[in-house]
């Protein structure tokens, strides 16, 4: 039994001695990681509903939003709105004008382009932003108007 325990202990002692006598080294390694941007957008509606009671008087519709983005520290986050069809009532679409005013940090105000997208908000870097966009429709014809819109949140 003593002989067996010596056989088991001797290799363990030799292994520890070999590890202790081995040279150690250290090195610096640079690791670069690239993370892709990520966005999330919730809006209260994608259909603007207007009731125009008097020609030329603005009819209002509000959209509340919550925008979240993960991007680079200097990356631009952009909220845009795009009407999916032109405002039409009566003889010509040119008799109507759709504008918006933003409430909340980073929101903008302006005219909504009849085709294509319009920037409605802009932020720098990651984070969560909440706000409201109030749309105003001015037209020469009274009546009910519905304008479907698409909201898009982008980050590089």
Protein backbone atom coordinates (compact mmCIF):
# COMPACT_ATOMS: atom_id res chain seq x y z
CA UNK A 1 0.00 0.00 0.00
CA UNK A 2 2.91 2.36 0.80
CA UNK A 3 4.46 1.59 -2.53
CA UNK A 4 1.18 2.41 -4.33
CA UNK A 5 0.82 5.77 -2.55
CA UNK A 6 4.41 6.67 -3.52
CA UNK A 7 3.63 5.88 -7.12
CA UNK A 8 0.61 8.21 -7.00
CA UNK A 9 2.31 11.08 -5.14
CA UNK A 10 5.55 11.10 -7.15
CA UNK A 11 3.94 12.03 -10.52
CA UNK A 12 1.88 14.76 -8.86
CA UNK A 13 5.01 16.33 -7.31
CA UNK A 14 6.86 16.15 -10.62
CA UNK A 15 3.94 17.82 -12.44
CA UNK A 16 3.87 20.72 -9.96
CA UNK A 17 7.64 21.15 -10.31
CA UNK A 18 7.37 21.21 -14.10
CA UNK A 19 4.66 23.87 -13.98
CA UNK A 20 6.63 26.00 -11.52
CA UNK A 21 9.75 25.94 -13.69
CA UNK A 22 7.90 26.81 -16.92
CA UNK A 23 8.35 30.32 -18.24
CA UNK A 24 5.33 32.62 -18.14
CA UNK A 25 4.51 35.31 -20.61
CA UNK A 26 1.86 37.94 -21.10
CA UNK A 27 0.60 39.71 -24.16
CA UNK A 28 -1.82 42.48 -24.93
CA UNK A 29 -4.57 41.67 -27.38
CA UNK A 30 -6.83 44.25 -29.00
CA UNK A 31 -10.33 43.05 -29.77
CA UNK A 32 -12.67 45.07 -31.95
CA UNK A 33 -16.37 44.29 -31.80
CA UNK A 34 -19.02 45.77 -34.05
CA UNK A 35 -22.59 45.95 -32.83
CA UNK A 36 -25.36 46.67 -35.26
CA UNK A 37 -27.92 49.34 -34.58
CA UNK A 38 -31.33 48.39 -33.33
CA UNK A 39 -34.55 50.39 -33.21
CA UNK A 40 -38.04 49.99 -31.81
CA UNK A 41 -40.96 52.32 -32.44
CA UNK A 42 -44.49 52.36 -31.02
CA UNK A 43 -47.08 54.84 -32.29
CA UNK A 44 -50.62 55.44 -31.10
CA UNK A 45 -52.08 55.32 -34.63
CA UNK A 46 -51.10 55.04 -38.27
CA UNK A 47 -54.32 56.63 -39.52
CA UNK A 48 -54.76 60.39 -39.22
CA UNK A 49 -58.46 61.22 -38.85
CA UNK A 50 -59.60 64.81 -39.51
CA UNK A 51 -62.97 66.55 -39.41
CA UNK A 52 -62.84 69.84 -41.29
CA UNK A 53 -65.73 72.03 -40.17
CA UNK A 54 -64.87 75.26 -41.98
CA UNK A 55 -62.83 75.84 -45.14
CA UNK A 56 -59.28 76.93 -44.30
CA UNK A 57 -59.63 76.15 -40.58
CA UNK A 58 -57.11 73.60 -39.32
CA UNK A 59 -58.35 70.16 -38.29
CA UNK A 60 -56.01 68.40 -35.83
CA UNK A 61 -54.91 64.81 -35.22
CA UNK A 62 -52.29 63.76 -32.65
CA UNK A 63 -49.94 60.79 -32.64
CA UNK A 64 -48.04 59.79 -29.51
CA UNK A 65 -44.82 57.83 -29.98
CA UNK A 66 -42.14 55.98 -28.05
CA UNK A 67 -38.86 55.52 -29.91
CA UNK A 68 -35.94 53.40 -28.70
CA UNK A 69 -32.58 53.02 -30.41
CA UNK A 70 -29.23 51.38 -29.79
CA UNK A 71 -26.53 52.87 -31.99
CA UNK A 72 -23.00 54.24 -31.87
CA UNK A 73 -22.29 57.10 -29.49
CA UNK A 74 -22.48 59.71 -32.26
CA UNK A 75 -25.00 57.89 -34.45
CA UNK A 76 -28.04 59.80 -35.67
CA UNK A 77 -31.48 58.37 -34.92
CA UNK A 78 -34.17 59.68 -37.26
CA UNK A 79 -37.97 59.47 -37.04
CA UNK A 80 -39.73 60.04 -40.34
CA UNK A 81 -43.36 60.12 -41.44
CA UNK A 82 -44.68 59.29 -44.88
CA UNK A 83 -48.28 59.62 -46.09
CA UNK A 84 -49.35 56.43 -47.86
CA UNK A 85 -51.80 58.36 -50.03
CA UNK A 86 -52.31 62.02 -50.85
CA UNK A 87 -54.96 64.04 -49.05
CA UNK A 88 -57.78 64.27 -51.56
CA UNK A 89 -61.22 65.76 -51.34
CA UNK A 90 -62.85 67.79 -54.03
CA UNK A 91 -61.36 68.70 -57.39
CA UNK A 92 -57.65 68.90 -56.51
CA UNK A 93 -55.17 67.58 -53.95
CA UNK A 94 -53.30 70.90 -54.13
CA UNK A 95 -56.10 72.54 -52.13
CA UNK A 96 -54.94 70.71 -49.00
CA UNK A 97 -51.90 71.23 -46.81
CA UNK A 98 -50.74 68.82 -44.09
CA UNK A 99 -48.33 70.14 -41.46
CA UNK A 100 -47.10 68.89 -38.09
CA UNK A 101 -45.69 70.26 -34.85
CA UNK A 102 -43.59 68.12 -32.54
CA UNK A 103 -43.75 68.11 -28.74
CA UNK A 104 -40.85 66.47 -26.92
CA UNK A 105 -37.07 66.50 -27.07
CA UNK A 106 -35.73 66.15 -30.62
CA UNK A 107 -39.08 66.46 -32.40
CA UNK A 108 -39.38 68.84 -35.31
CA UNK A 109 -42.13 70.83 -37.02
CA UNK A 110 -42.85 71.36 -40.68
CA UNK A 111 -44.87 70.47 -43.74
CA UNK A 112 -45.49 66.83 -44.61
CA UNK A 113 -44.32 66.09 -48.14
CA UNK A 114 -47.23 64.77 -50.25
CA UNK A 115 -44.99 61.91 -51.46
CA UNK A 116 -41.89 60.49 -49.83
CA UNK A 117 -40.81 60.81 -46.22
CA UNK A 118 -40.45 63.85 -43.99
CA UNK A 119 -38.13 63.96 -40.97
CA UNK A 120 -40.20 64.46 -37.81
CA UNK A 121 -37.56 63.85 -35.12
CA UNK A 122 -33.80 63.52 -34.74
CA UNK A 123 -31.60 62.38 -31.85
CA UNK A 124 -27.95 61.54 -31.32
CA UNK A 125 -26.88 58.25 -29.74
CA UNK A 126 -28.77 55.48 -28.01
CA UNK A 127 -31.75 55.96 -25.73
CA UNK A 128 -35.50 56.18 -25.44
CA UNK A 129 -37.51 59.19 -26.56
CA UNK A 130 -41.19 59.90 -26.18
CA UNK A 131 -43.20 62.65 -27.73
CA UNK A 132 -46.22 63.74 -29.68
CA UNK A 133 -46.72 64.88 -33.24
CA UNK A 134 -49.77 67.06 -33.84
CA UNK A 135 -50.85 67.09 -37.47
CA UNK A 136 -52.93 69.94 -38.91
CA UNK A 137 -54.90 69.63 -42.12
CA UNK A 138 -55.96 72.83 -43.89
CA UNK A 139 -58.22 72.45 -46.86
CA UNK A 140 -60.81 74.43 -48.77
CA UNK A 141 -63.44 71.68 -48.55
CA UNK A 142 -65.27 70.64 -45.39
CA UNK A 143 -65.71 66.97 -44.55
CA UNK A 144 -64.12 63.87 -43.08
CA UNK A 145 -60.56 63.00 -44.04
CA UNK A 146 -58.48 59.92 -43.29
CA UNK A 147 -54.79 59.85 -44.15
CA UNK A 148 -52.86 56.61 -43.63
CA UNK A 149 -49.23 57.26 -42.66
CA UNK A 150 -46.13 55.19 -42.05
CA UNK A 151 -43.64 56.07 -39.32
CA UNK A 152 -40.07 54.82 -39.66
CA UNK A 153 -37.26 54.96 -37.09
CA UNK A 154 -33.76 54.56 -38.50
CA UNK A 155 -30.25 54.46 -37.03
CA UNK A 156 -26.97 53.82 -38.88
